Protein backbone atom coordinates (compact mmCIF):
# COMPACT_ATOMS: atom_id res chain seq x y z
CA MET A 1 0.15 29.65 -40.10
CA ALA A 2 0.13 26.33 -41.43
CA SER A 3 -0.18 23.79 -39.02
CA LEU A 4 0.33 20.08 -39.63
CA PRO A 5 -0.48 16.76 -37.23
CA GLU A 6 0.15 16.41 -33.91
CA LEU A 7 2.60 13.37 -32.81
CA ARG A 8 1.96 12.23 -29.33
CA ALA A 9 3.55 9.80 -26.96
CA PHE A 10 1.94 8.52 -23.97
CA VAL A 11 3.51 7.30 -20.95
CA SER A 12 1.59 5.46 -17.53
CA ALA A 13 3.63 5.23 -14.52
CA PRO A 14 4.49 2.11 -12.28
CA ARG A 15 2.11 -0.14 -11.28
CA PRO A 16 1.99 -3.42 -9.17
CA LEU A 17 3.47 -6.73 -11.12
CA ALA A 18 1.03 -9.81 -10.50
CA VAL A 19 3.69 -12.80 -10.56
CA GLY A 20 7.11 -13.57 -9.75
CA ASN A 21 9.75 -11.53 -8.84
CA ARG A 22 8.59 -8.58 -10.65
CA ALA A 23 7.08 -6.42 -7.61
CA ARG A 24 5.94 -3.71 -9.54
CA SER A 25 5.53 -2.46 -13.17
CA ALA A 26 5.60 1.01 -15.55
CA THR A 27 3.75 0.82 -18.62
CA LEU A 28 4.98 3.11 -21.31
CA LEU A 29 2.30 3.51 -24.18
CA LEU A 30 3.97 4.94 -26.94
CA THR A 31 1.43 5.50 -29.43
CA VAL A 32 1.38 7.60 -32.01
CA LEU A 33 -2.00 9.74 -32.74
CA VAL A 34 -2.89 12.10 -35.78
CA ALA A 35 -5.05 14.96 -35.06
CA ALA A 36 -5.39 18.52 -36.78
CA TRP A 37 -4.30 21.10 -34.42
CA LEU A 38 -4.39 24.70 -34.92
CA GLY A 39 -4.09 27.45 -32.08
CA TYR A 40 -1.20 28.67 -29.81
CA ALA A 41 2.42 28.07 -31.03
CA PHE A 42 3.39 25.41 -28.52
CA GLY A 43 0.33 23.99 -29.81
CA ARG A 44 -2.15 24.32 -27.14
CA GLY A 45 -5.43 26.55 -28.13
CA GLN A 46 -5.17 28.53 -24.46
CA SER A 47 -6.72 31.31 -23.24
CA LEU A 48 -4.63 34.24 -21.94
CA ALA A 49 -4.87 32.75 -18.33
CA ASP A 50 -3.55 29.62 -19.22
CA VAL A 51 -0.53 31.11 -20.80
CA SER A 52 0.11 33.24 -18.32
CA ARG A 53 0.87 30.66 -15.71
CA LEU A 54 3.58 29.52 -18.16
CA TYR A 55 7.27 31.13 -17.15
CA THR A 56 10.85 30.94 -17.70
CA ASP A 57 12.53 29.65 -15.00
CA VAL A 58 15.94 31.72 -15.55
CA GLY A 59 17.72 30.77 -12.67
CA GLN A 60 17.47 26.84 -13.78
CA LEU A 61 19.35 24.68 -15.95
CA GLN A 62 16.91 21.91 -15.48
CA TYR A 63 13.38 21.38 -14.72
CA THR A 64 11.61 18.99 -12.47
CA VAL A 65 8.06 18.00 -11.92
CA ASP A 66 6.97 15.06 -9.52
CA THR A 67 3.71 13.52 -8.89
CA GLY A 68 4.55 11.53 -6.37
CA GLN A 69 4.20 8.56 -8.45
CA MET A 70 6.13 9.40 -11.74
CA VAL A 71 9.06 12.17 -11.98
CA ALA A 72 10.16 13.88 -14.98
CA HIS A 73 13.83 15.95 -15.66
CA PHE A 74 14.08 18.25 -18.54
CA ALA A 75 17.46 20.07 -19.09
CA ARG A 76 16.75 23.62 -20.63
CA THR A 77 20.36 22.86 -22.24
CA GLY A 78 22.52 20.39 -23.97
CA GLY A 79 20.65 17.55 -25.75
CA THR A 80 19.90 14.83 -22.78
CA LEU A 81 16.95 14.85 -20.81
CA LYS A 82 14.55 15.88 -22.93
CA PRO A 83 12.86 14.61 -21.19
CA LEU A 84 13.79 11.91 -18.46
CA LEU A 85 11.07 9.89 -17.22
CA GLN A 86 11.59 8.09 -13.62
CA ALA A 87 9.65 6.30 -11.43
CA HIS A 88 9.48 7.55 -7.84
CA ASP A 89 12.01 5.55 -6.41
CA GLY A 90 14.61 6.66 -8.74
CA THR A 91 14.39 3.75 -11.72
CA SER A 92 15.01 5.52 -14.97
CA LEU A 93 12.03 4.13 -17.63
CA MET A 94 12.38 6.06 -20.57
CA ASP A 95 14.95 9.19 -21.90
CA PHE A 96 14.31 11.26 -24.74
CA SER A 97 17.99 12.26 -26.37
CA ASP A 98 18.30 15.39 -28.62
CA TRP A 99 21.92 14.35 -28.92
CA ASP A 100 20.64 10.78 -30.61
CA TYR A 101 21.37 11.52 -34.17
CA GLN A 102 18.06 9.57 -34.96
CA SER A 103 16.31 12.89 -33.21
CA VAL A 104 15.41 14.53 -36.56
CA ALA A 105 12.65 16.19 -38.36
CA ILE A 106 12.46 15.78 -42.04
CA VAL A 107 10.77 18.64 -43.60
CA ASP A 108 9.81 18.84 -47.48
CA GLY A 109 13.03 16.51 -47.74
CA GLN A 110 15.48 18.70 -45.34
CA ARG A 111 16.86 17.12 -42.38
CA PHE A 112 17.26 19.23 -39.04
CA GLU A 113 18.65 17.41 -36.09
CA PHE A 114 17.15 18.48 -32.93
CA ILE A 115 20.30 19.44 -31.22
CA ARG A 116 21.06 22.19 -33.92
CA LEU A 117 17.32 24.02 -33.49
CA ILE A 118 16.73 26.85 -31.51
CA PRO A 119 15.15 26.57 -28.16
CA SER A 120 12.97 27.87 -26.26
CA ASP A 121 11.20 26.45 -23.08
CA SER A 122 8.94 27.33 -19.90
CA VAL A 123 7.29 26.00 -17.32
CA ASP A 124 4.34 25.28 -14.91
CA TYR A 125 4.73 23.92 -11.83
CA ALA A 126 1.09 24.30 -10.87
CA ARG A 127 0.37 21.86 -13.47
CA ASN A 128 3.33 19.78 -13.69
CA ARG A 129 3.94 20.80 -17.26
CA ILE A 130 6.97 21.73 -19.46
CA VAL A 131 6.69 23.24 -23.10
CA GLU A 132 9.81 23.57 -25.55
CA GLY A 133 10.02 24.48 -28.78
CA LEU A 134 12.80 23.90 -31.22
CA SER A 135 12.49 26.63 -34.23
CA SER A 136 14.19 26.85 -37.36
CA GLY A 137 12.90 29.98 -37.86
CA ASP A 138 10.42 28.86 -40.63
CA TRP A 139 8.54 26.33 -38.41
CA VAL A 140 8.36 25.41 -34.55
CA LEU A 141 8.05 21.82 -33.56
CA SER A 142 7.12 21.48 -29.96
CA ARG A 143 7.30 19.07 -27.18
CA GLU A 144 4.72 19.15 -24.32
CA VAL A 145 5.70 17.26 -21.19
CA VAL A 146 2.79 16.87 -18.77
CA LEU A 147 2.45 14.63 -15.61
CA ASP A 148 -0.70 13.70 -14.47
CA GLY A 149 -0.77 11.41 -11.13
CA ALA A 150 0.86 7.79 -12.49
CA GLN A 151 0.87 9.33 -16.01
CA ALA A 152 2.68 11.14 -18.45
CA THR A 153 2.51 12.26 -22.07
CA VAL A 154 4.93 14.05 -24.35
CA ASN A 155 2.93 15.65 -27.25
CA TRP A 156 4.71 17.07 -30.10
CA THR A 157 3.55 19.76 -32.65
CA PHE A 158 4.57 20.99 -35.64
CA LEU A 159 3.38 24.59 -36.69
CA ALA A 160 4.41 26.60 -39.84
CA ASN A 161 4.20 30.25 -41.03
CA LYS A 162 4.83 29.00 -44.87
CA PRO A 163 3.52 26.19 -46.80
CA VAL A 164 4.65 23.10 -46.04
CA HIS A 165 3.67 19.80 -47.76
CA ASP A 166 5.78 16.85 -45.71
CA VAL A 167 7.25 16.52 -42.41
CA VAL A 168 8.52 13.33 -41.06
CA VAL A 169 9.70 13.27 -36.96
CA THR A 170 12.00 10.73 -35.35
CA ILE A 171 11.91 10.85 -31.80
CA ALA A 172 14.87 8.65 -30.01
CA HIS A 173 13.97 7.45 -26.77
CA ALA A 174 16.03 4.89 -24.70
CA ASP A 175 17.17 3.64 -21.04
CA TRP A 176 20.88 2.53 -20.33
CA TYR A 177 19.83 -1.44 -20.27
CA TYR A 178 15.85 -2.99 -21.34
CA LEU A 179 15.50 -6.49 -20.25
CA ASP A 180 13.45 -9.20 -22.07
CA VAL A 181 12.75 -6.88 -25.09
CA THR A 182 9.97 -8.25 -27.32
CA PRO A 183 8.44 -6.34 -29.97
CA SER A 184 5.09 -5.79 -30.38
CA ALA A 185 2.12 -4.73 -32.82
CA ASP A 186 2.51 -0.69 -31.58
CA GLY A 187 6.14 -0.84 -30.60
CA PHE A 188 7.88 -2.91 -27.89
CA VAL A 189 7.58 -4.56 -24.46
CA ALA A 190 10.50 -4.81 -22.04
CA THR A 191 11.61 -4.71 -18.42
CA VAL A 192 13.84 -2.65 -16.71
CA PRO A 193 15.53 -3.84 -13.38
CA ARG A 194 15.89 -1.41 -10.15
CA ALA A 195 19.52 -1.16 -10.55
CA THR A 196 22.52 1.19 -11.61
CA ARG A 197 24.14 0.96 -14.91
CA GLY A 198 27.37 -0.67 -13.12
CA GLU A 199 25.50 -3.68 -11.03
CA ILE A 200 23.82 -4.51 -14.49
CA GLU A 201 27.12 -4.12 -16.32
CA ALA A 202 28.68 -6.26 -13.97
CA GLY A 203 25.82 -8.95 -13.78
CA LEU A 204 24.82 -8.24 -10.25
CA VAL A 205 21.15 -7.99 -10.90
CA HIS A 206 19.03 -10.10 -13.39
CA THR A 207 15.62 -9.60 -11.99
CA PRO A 208 13.38 -7.34 -13.15
CA THR A 209 11.26 -4.42 -11.38
CA TYR A 210 9.44 -2.65 -13.71
CA GLU A 211 7.33 -3.34 -17.40
CA VAL A 212 7.45 -1.00 -20.21
CA ALA A 213 5.39 -1.52 -23.11
């Protein structure tokens, strides 16, 4: 099999803000790391003991892993919650969506929308780890969601069973409303209020609670 570079998103959870009314913050560092990757089809070189810890909970339509500081919700079906990352008070920080038309893999010039790929999934509750594979038949794009205390990582790995020369993966991530969005060298910095969508749209809440970057 041919293996291409890994795309990794790193997310760190809420921490106290130092000034003003910003009582807490969440730092989401979206970092792209390139690394050669060979091994297990979901992108992890593991022993058989590690693999045996992963299983598919067929009775659940949604996986939820929770460290007490960060929560990740992952829907096994549909295109939302892929995953949804939340602060422990329920505030949504970032939502990865497969329904978004921008969530695509372009492989040797051919466009594949995430929602049209064949999914498979497994969960390791003991390690707060969720793994999903998106298969075209000729290759698998896997995402691995791992929570560790106040941090969350989302790793992406592409593994092909035939020669592939060029891969471009676009991952859509969003929130209902970010406040004070500022571009940065490696992404963006924005604030997130602890409020419902209705409260924000009604203009009832203007004070940010978390900061994401």
